[in-house]
Amino acid sequence: MKIERELIIDAPVDVVWSVMSDVERWPEMTASMTSVRLLDGELRLGARAEVVQPKLPKAIWTVTRWDEGRRFDWTARSAGLTTVGIHGVEATTGGTRAYIGAEQTGFLAPLLALLIGKLSEGYLDLEIAGFRDRSLAIR
């Protein structure tokens, strides 16, 4: 299962990045997050975060890609499933292209796509809208 969302946000790339990378404040921006707590200090390569979302089990995410000011990916693993969350920004005409995504692999991925695919799509819609609204409020 792979889901992607993107928006052009009328705000500078550094503003959108600061919103997107401030993971502990995500619950203030979107109903798709109950809590996000960094376990290793600041967000960086190798950092871990505990994420609690409605209707999903608590997960530990580890940052597996870190391009400062541009993109980070984090990965959560459980038996039979690996999920990668993608979060990125790039300057474009009219502001900033913000994009997010989720990709699930493993033998349980097809089953989960059927069971929670629509929920995951809705969560990504809420998240990118939250990033947009917060970025516009502080630009």
N, C-alpha and C. Protein backbone atom coordinates (compact mmCIF):
# COMPACT_ATOMS: atom_id res chain seq x y z
N MET A 1 0.85 -1.18 0.00
CA MET A 1 0.00 0.00 0.00
C MET A 1 0.89 1.23 0.00
N LYS A 2 0.62 2.14 -0.90
CA LYS A 2 1.33 3.41 -0.95
C LYS A 2 0.30 4.52 -1.14
N ILE A 3 0.37 5.52 -0.27
CA ILE A 3 -0.54 6.66 -0.32
C ILE A 3 0.31 7.91 -0.31
N GLU A 4 -0.04 8.88 -1.14
CA GLU A 4 0.69 10.15 -1.19
C GLU A 4 -0.28 11.31 -1.26
N ARG A 5 0.14 12.42 -0.65
CA ARG A 5 -0.63 13.65 -0.71
C ARG A 5 0.35 14.81 -0.91
N GLU A 6 -0.08 15.84 -1.64
CA GLU A 6 0.75 17.02 -1.77
C GLU A 6 -0.14 18.26 -1.93
N LEU A 7 0.42 19.38 -1.53
CA LEU A 7 -0.25 20.68 -1.65
C LEU A 7 0.80 21.73 -1.97
N ILE A 8 0.38 22.77 -2.68
CA ILE A 8 1.20 23.97 -2.80
C ILE A 8 0.70 24.92 -1.71
N ILE A 9 1.62 25.33 -0.84
CA ILE A 9 1.28 26.19 0.29
C ILE A 9 1.91 27.55 0.05
N ASP A 10 1.11 28.60 0.15
CA ASP A 10 1.58 29.97 -0.07
C ASP A 10 2.34 30.47 1.15
N ALA A 11 3.49 29.86 1.38
CA ALA A 11 4.35 30.21 2.50
C ALA A 11 5.78 29.81 2.12
N PRO A 12 6.78 30.48 2.70
CA PRO A 12 8.17 30.12 2.40
C PRO A 12 8.49 28.68 2.83
N VAL A 13 9.42 28.07 2.11
CA VAL A 13 9.78 26.67 2.37
C VAL A 13 10.28 26.49 3.81
N ASP A 14 11.02 27.47 4.36
CA ASP A 14 11.53 27.30 5.72
C ASP A 14 10.41 27.32 6.74
N VAL A 15 9.34 28.05 6.47
CA VAL A 15 8.18 28.05 7.38
C VAL A 15 7.47 26.70 7.34
N VAL A 16 7.22 26.19 6.15
CA VAL A 16 6.52 24.91 6.02
C VAL A 16 7.38 23.79 6.62
N TRP A 17 8.69 23.83 6.39
CA TRP A 17 9.57 22.82 6.98
C TRP A 17 9.52 22.88 8.50
N SER A 18 9.54 24.10 9.07
CA SER A 18 9.53 24.20 10.53
C SER A 18 8.25 23.62 11.11
N VAL A 19 7.14 23.77 10.41
CA VAL A 19 5.88 23.18 10.86
C VAL A 19 5.91 21.67 10.72
N MET A 20 6.33 21.19 9.57
CA MET A 20 6.33 19.75 9.29
C MET A 20 7.29 18.99 10.20
N SER A 21 8.41 19.59 10.53
CA SER A 21 9.42 18.89 11.32
C SER A 21 9.22 19.06 12.83
N ASP A 22 8.22 19.83 13.23
CA ASP A 22 7.91 20.00 14.66
C ASP A 22 6.89 18.93 15.07
N VAL A 23 7.34 17.69 15.06
CA VAL A 23 6.44 16.54 15.18
C VAL A 23 5.66 16.51 16.50
N GLU A 24 6.25 17.00 17.58
CA GLU A 24 5.54 16.95 18.86
C GLU A 24 4.33 17.89 18.89
N ARG A 25 4.25 18.82 17.96
CA ARG A 25 3.10 19.72 17.88
C ARG A 25 2.04 19.25 16.89
N TRP A 26 2.30 18.14 16.20
CA TRP A 26 1.32 17.65 15.24
C TRP A 26 -0.07 17.44 15.84
N PRO A 27 -0.21 16.96 17.07
CA PRO A 27 -1.57 16.79 17.60
C PRO A 27 -2.36 18.10 17.70
N GLU A 28 -1.67 19.24 17.73
CA GLU A 28 -2.36 20.53 17.72
C GLU A 28 -2.89 20.87 16.32
N MET A 29 -2.35 20.23 15.29
CA MET A 29 -2.68 20.57 13.91
C MET A 29 -3.63 19.61 13.24
N THR A 30 -3.75 18.39 13.80
CA THR A 30 -4.53 17.37 13.11
C THR A 30 -5.18 16.41 14.10
N ALA A 31 -6.39 16.04 13.80
CA ALA A 31 -7.10 15.06 14.62
C ALA A 31 -6.59 13.64 14.38
N SER A 32 -5.67 13.47 13.44
CA SER A 32 -5.12 12.13 13.17
C SER A 32 -4.04 11.73 14.16
N MET A 33 -3.65 12.64 15.04
CA MET A 33 -2.60 12.36 16.03
C MET A 33 -3.12 12.65 17.43
N THR A 34 -2.95 11.69 18.32
CA THR A 34 -3.29 11.89 19.72
C THR A 34 -2.09 12.45 20.47
N SER A 35 -0.91 11.85 20.23
CA SER A 35 0.32 12.36 20.83
C SER A 35 1.52 11.90 20.01
N VAL A 36 2.55 12.75 20.03
CA VAL A 36 3.84 12.43 19.43
C VAL A 36 4.89 12.88 20.44
N ARG A 37 5.75 11.95 20.81
CA ARG A 37 6.78 12.27 21.81
C ARG A 37 8.13 11.79 21.31
N LEU A 38 9.06 12.74 21.15
CA LEU A 38 10.42 12.37 20.76
C LEU A 38 11.10 11.66 21.92
N LEU A 39 11.77 10.58 21.64
CA LEU A 39 12.41 9.77 22.67
C LEU A 39 13.90 10.03 22.78
N ASP A 40 14.48 10.69 21.78
CA ASP A 40 15.93 10.88 21.73
C ASP A 40 16.33 12.33 21.53
N GLY A 41 15.61 13.26 22.11
CA GLY A 41 15.95 14.67 21.89
C GLY A 41 15.35 15.16 20.59
N GLU A 42 16.12 15.89 19.81
CA GLU A 42 15.61 16.53 18.60
C GLU A 42 15.42 15.54 17.46
N LEU A 43 14.59 15.94 16.51
CA LEU A 43 14.35 15.14 15.32
C LEU A 43 15.61 15.19 14.46
N ARG A 44 16.15 14.03 14.11
CA ARG A 44 17.38 13.89 13.32
C ARG A 44 17.48 12.45 12.88
N LEU A 45 18.47 12.15 12.06
CA LEU A 45 18.68 10.78 11.62
C LEU A 45 18.88 9.88 12.84
N GLY A 46 18.13 8.79 12.90
CA GLY A 46 18.21 7.83 13.99
C GLY A 46 17.33 8.14 15.18
N ALA A 47 16.75 9.34 15.24
CA ALA A 47 15.87 9.68 16.37
C ALA A 47 14.61 8.83 16.33
N ARG A 48 14.09 8.57 17.51
CA ARG A 48 12.85 7.79 17.62
C ARG A 48 11.75 8.64 18.21
N ALA A 49 10.52 8.32 17.82
CA ALA A 49 9.35 9.01 18.36
C ALA A 49 8.25 7.99 18.63
N GLU A 50 7.56 8.21 19.74
CA GLU A 50 6.38 7.41 20.08
C GLU A 50 5.17 8.16 19.55
N VAL A 51 4.40 7.48 18.69
CA VAL A 51 3.25 8.10 18.05
C VAL A 51 1.99 7.33 18.43
N VAL A 52 1.00 8.07 18.91
CA VAL A 52 -0.30 7.50 19.24
C VAL A 52 -1.33 8.15 18.33
N GLN A 53 -2.07 7.31 17.61
CA GLN A 53 -3.11 7.78 16.70
C GLN A 53 -4.43 7.10 17.03
N PRO A 54 -5.55 7.81 16.84
CA PRO A 54 -6.85 7.18 17.07
C PRO A 54 -7.02 5.94 16.19
N LYS A 55 -7.57 4.89 16.74
CA LYS A 55 -7.92 3.66 16.04
C LYS A 55 -6.71 2.83 15.59
N LEU A 56 -5.49 3.23 16.00
CA LEU A 56 -4.29 2.48 15.63
C LEU A 56 -3.47 2.19 16.88
N PRO A 57 -2.69 1.12 16.88
CA PRO A 57 -1.83 0.85 18.04
C PRO A 57 -0.69 1.87 18.12
N LYS A 58 -0.23 2.12 19.32
CA LYS A 58 0.93 2.98 19.52
C LYS A 58 2.10 2.41 18.73
N ALA A 59 2.92 3.30 18.14
CA ALA A 59 4.04 2.84 17.33
C ALA A 59 5.29 3.67 17.66
N ILE A 60 6.45 3.04 17.51
CA ILE A 60 7.72 3.72 17.62
C ILE A 60 8.26 3.90 16.20
N TRP A 61 8.49 5.15 15.84
CA TRP A 61 9.00 5.50 14.53
C TRP A 61 10.46 5.93 14.66
N THR A 62 11.30 5.48 13.74
CA THR A 62 12.72 5.83 13.72
C THR A 62 13.02 6.58 12.43
N VAL A 63 13.69 7.74 12.56
CA VAL A 63 14.03 8.53 11.38
C VAL A 63 15.12 7.80 10.60
N THR A 64 14.78 7.44 9.35
CA THR A 64 15.68 6.65 8.52
C THR A 64 16.25 7.46 7.36
N ARG A 65 15.75 8.66 7.15
CA ARG A 65 16.29 9.59 6.16
C ARG A 65 16.13 10.98 6.72
N TRP A 66 17.19 11.78 6.60
CA TRP A 66 17.15 13.14 7.13
C TRP A 66 17.91 14.07 6.19
N ASP A 67 17.17 14.87 5.45
CA ASP A 67 17.74 15.91 4.59
C ASP A 67 17.28 17.24 5.18
N GLU A 68 18.11 17.82 6.04
CA GLU A 68 17.75 19.03 6.79
C GLU A 68 17.10 20.07 5.89
N GLY A 69 15.94 20.53 6.31
CA GLY A 69 15.23 21.57 5.59
C GLY A 69 14.48 21.12 4.37
N ARG A 70 14.55 19.82 4.06
CA ARG A 70 13.92 19.33 2.84
C ARG A 70 13.04 18.10 3.01
N ARG A 71 13.55 17.10 3.75
CA ARG A 71 12.78 15.84 3.81
C ARG A 71 13.24 15.00 4.99
N PHE A 72 12.26 14.31 5.57
CA PHE A 72 12.61 13.22 6.48
C PHE A 72 11.63 12.08 6.27
N ASP A 73 12.16 10.89 6.43
CA ASP A 73 11.35 9.68 6.41
C ASP A 73 11.54 9.01 7.76
N TRP A 74 10.49 8.37 8.23
CA TRP A 74 10.65 7.55 9.42
C TRP A 74 9.95 6.24 9.21
N THR A 75 10.40 5.24 9.93
CA THR A 75 9.96 3.87 9.72
C THR A 75 9.48 3.25 11.03
N ALA A 76 8.35 2.57 10.95
CA ALA A 76 7.82 1.80 12.08
C ALA A 76 7.73 0.34 11.63
N ARG A 77 8.13 -0.55 12.52
CA ARG A 77 8.11 -1.97 12.20
C ARG A 77 7.28 -2.73 13.23
N SER A 78 6.55 -3.72 12.75
CA SER A 78 5.86 -4.67 13.62
C SER A 78 5.90 -6.01 12.90
N ALA A 79 5.42 -7.03 13.55
CA ALA A 79 5.45 -8.36 12.94
C ALA A 79 4.71 -8.35 11.61
N GLY A 80 5.42 -8.67 10.54
CA GLY A 80 4.80 -8.77 9.23
C GLY A 80 4.54 -7.47 8.51
N LEU A 81 5.02 -6.35 9.05
CA LEU A 81 4.70 -5.06 8.44
C LEU A 81 5.79 -4.04 8.71
N THR A 82 6.16 -3.31 7.66
CA THR A 82 7.05 -2.16 7.78
C THR A 82 6.33 -0.99 7.13
N THR A 83 6.24 0.12 7.85
CA THR A 83 5.61 1.33 7.33
C THR A 83 6.64 2.44 7.29
N VAL A 84 6.75 3.10 6.15
CA VAL A 84 7.61 4.26 5.99
C VAL A 84 6.73 5.48 5.78
N GLY A 85 6.93 6.51 6.61
CA GLY A 85 6.25 7.78 6.46
C GLY A 85 7.20 8.78 5.83
N ILE A 86 6.75 9.45 4.79
CA ILE A 86 7.56 10.39 4.02
C ILE A 86 7.02 11.80 4.24
N HIS A 87 7.93 12.76 4.48
CA HIS A 87 7.53 14.15 4.73
C HIS A 87 8.54 15.05 4.05
N GLY A 88 8.10 15.90 3.13
CA GLY A 88 9.06 16.73 2.43
C GLY A 88 8.49 18.05 1.95
N VAL A 89 9.43 18.95 1.64
CA VAL A 89 9.09 20.27 1.13
C VAL A 89 10.07 20.64 0.02
N GLU A 90 9.60 21.45 -0.93
CA GLU A 90 10.50 22.02 -1.93
C GLU A 90 9.91 23.33 -2.41
N ALA A 91 10.79 24.29 -2.66
CA ALA A 91 10.35 25.59 -3.16
C ALA A 91 9.79 25.43 -4.57
N THR A 92 8.74 26.17 -4.84
CA THR A 92 8.12 26.10 -6.15
C THR A 92 7.46 27.45 -6.45
N THR A 93 7.07 27.65 -7.67
CA THR A 93 6.34 28.86 -8.01
C THR A 93 5.05 28.89 -7.19
N GLY A 94 4.83 29.98 -6.51
CA GLY A 94 3.62 30.10 -5.70
C GLY A 94 3.80 29.66 -4.27
N GLY A 95 5.03 29.33 -3.85
CA GLY A 95 5.23 28.97 -2.45
C GLY A 95 6.05 27.72 -2.27
N THR A 96 5.47 26.76 -1.57
CA THR A 96 6.17 25.54 -1.21
C THR A 96 5.31 24.34 -1.57
N ARG A 97 5.93 23.37 -2.22
CA ARG A 97 5.26 22.09 -2.45
C ARG A 97 5.54 21.23 -1.22
N ALA A 98 4.49 20.91 -0.50
CA ALA A 98 4.60 20.02 0.66
C ALA A 98 4.04 18.67 0.25
N TYR A 99 4.75 17.61 0.60
CA TYR A 99 4.27 16.28 0.25
C TYR A 99 4.50 15.33 1.42
N ILE A 100 3.57 14.42 1.57
CA ILE A 100 3.66 13.39 2.60
C ILE A 100 3.19 12.08 1.98
N GLY A 101 3.59 10.99 2.60
CA GLY A 101 3.17 9.71 2.09
C GLY A 101 3.39 8.61 3.11
N ALA A 102 2.81 7.48 2.83
CA ALA A 102 2.98 6.29 3.66
C ALA A 102 3.07 5.10 2.72
N GLU A 103 4.06 4.26 2.99
CA GLU A 103 4.22 3.05 2.20
C GLU A 103 4.37 1.87 3.15
N GLN A 104 3.54 0.86 2.95
CA GLN A 104 3.59 -0.33 3.80
C GLN A 104 4.02 -1.53 2.97
N THR A 105 4.95 -2.31 3.54
CA THR A 105 5.42 -3.53 2.91
C THR A 105 5.42 -4.65 3.96
N GLY A 106 5.52 -5.86 3.48
CA GLY A 106 5.50 -7.02 4.35
C GLY A 106 4.28 -7.86 4.05
N PHE A 107 4.26 -9.07 4.58
CA PHE A 107 3.17 -9.98 4.22
C PHE A 107 1.80 -9.53 4.72
N LEU A 108 1.75 -8.67 5.75
CA LEU A 108 0.46 -8.16 6.23
C LEU A 108 -0.01 -6.90 5.49
N ALA A 109 0.84 -6.32 4.66
CA ALA A 109 0.48 -5.06 3.99
C ALA A 109 -0.82 -5.16 3.16
N PRO A 110 -1.02 -6.20 2.35
CA PRO A 110 -2.26 -6.26 1.57
C PRO A 110 -3.51 -6.32 2.46
N LEU A 111 -3.44 -7.07 3.55
CA LEU A 111 -4.58 -7.16 4.46
C LEU A 111 -4.86 -5.81 5.11
N LEU A 112 -3.81 -5.14 5.57
CA LEU A 112 -4.00 -3.84 6.20
C LEU A 112 -4.51 -2.80 5.22
N ALA A 113 -4.11 -2.91 3.96
CA ALA A 113 -4.62 -1.99 2.95
C ALA A 113 -6.14 -2.10 2.88
N LEU A 114 -6.65 -3.32 2.97
CA LEU A 114 -8.10 -3.52 2.96
C LEU A 114 -8.76 -3.01 4.24
N LEU A 115 -8.12 -3.27 5.38
CA LEU A 115 -8.72 -2.95 6.67
C LEU A 115 -8.62 -1.47 7.04
N ILE A 116 -7.47 -0.84 6.75
CA ILE A 116 -7.29 0.54 7.22
C ILE A 116 -6.86 1.50 6.11
N GLY A 117 -6.97 1.08 4.86
CA GLY A 117 -6.57 1.95 3.75
C GLY A 117 -7.30 3.27 3.74
N LYS A 118 -8.61 3.25 3.89
CA LYS A 118 -9.40 4.50 3.88
C LYS A 118 -9.07 5.36 5.10
N LEU A 119 -8.86 4.73 6.25
CA LEU A 119 -8.47 5.47 7.45
C LEU A 119 -7.13 6.16 7.22
N SER A 120 -6.17 5.44 6.66
CA SER A 120 -4.85 6.01 6.39
C SER A 120 -4.93 7.18 5.41
N GLU A 121 -5.73 7.04 4.37
CA GLU A 121 -5.91 8.12 3.42
C GLU A 121 -6.50 9.36 4.10
N GLY A 122 -7.50 9.13 4.93
CA GLY A 122 -8.11 10.25 5.65
C GLY A 122 -7.13 10.93 6.59
N TYR A 123 -6.29 10.14 7.25
CA TYR A 123 -5.28 10.71 8.15
C TYR A 123 -4.29 11.57 7.38
N LEU A 124 -3.84 11.11 6.22
CA LEU A 124 -2.91 11.92 5.43
C LEU A 124 -3.56 13.21 4.96
N ASP A 125 -4.84 13.15 4.59
CA ASP A 125 -5.56 14.37 4.21
C ASP A 125 -5.59 15.37 5.37
N LEU A 126 -5.89 14.88 6.57
CA LEU A 126 -5.92 15.75 7.75
C LEU A 126 -4.54 16.34 8.04
N GLU A 127 -3.52 15.52 7.92
CA GLU A 127 -2.17 15.97 8.26
C GLU A 127 -1.68 17.05 7.31
N ILE A 128 -1.83 16.85 6.01
CA ILE A 128 -1.32 17.86 5.08
C ILE A 128 -2.12 19.15 5.18
N ALA A 129 -3.42 19.03 5.45
CA ALA A 129 -4.23 20.24 5.66
C ALA A 129 -3.78 20.97 6.93
N GLY A 130 -3.44 20.22 7.96
CA GLY A 130 -2.94 20.83 9.19
C GLY A 130 -1.62 21.55 8.97
N PHE A 131 -0.72 20.95 8.20
CA PHE A 131 0.55 21.61 7.89
C PHE A 131 0.30 22.90 7.12
N ARG A 132 -0.63 22.86 6.17
CA ARG A 132 -0.97 24.06 5.39
C ARG A 132 -1.53 25.15 6.29
N ASP A 133 -2.51 24.79 7.11
CA ASP A 133 -3.17 25.80 7.93
C ASP A 133 -2.20 26.43 8.93
N ARG A 134 -1.35 25.63 9.54
CA ARG A 134 -0.38 26.17 10.50
C ARG A 134 0.65 27.04 9.80
N SER A 135 1.11 26.60 8.62
CA SER A 135 2.10 27.39 7.87
C SER A 135 1.54 28.74 7.46
N LEU A 136 0.29 28.75 7.00
CA LEU A 136 -0.33 30.01 6.60
C LEU A 136 -0.55 30.94 7.80
N ALA A 137 -0.81 30.36 8.95
CA ALA A 137 -1.04 31.18 10.15
C ALA A 137 0.23 31.86 10.65
N ILE A 138 1.41 31.25 10.38
CA ILE A 138 2.64 31.83 10.94
C ILE A 138 3.56 32.45 9.89
N ARG A 139 3.21 32.36 8.62
CA ARG A 139 4.12 32.85 7.56
C ARG A 139 4.45 34.31 7.69
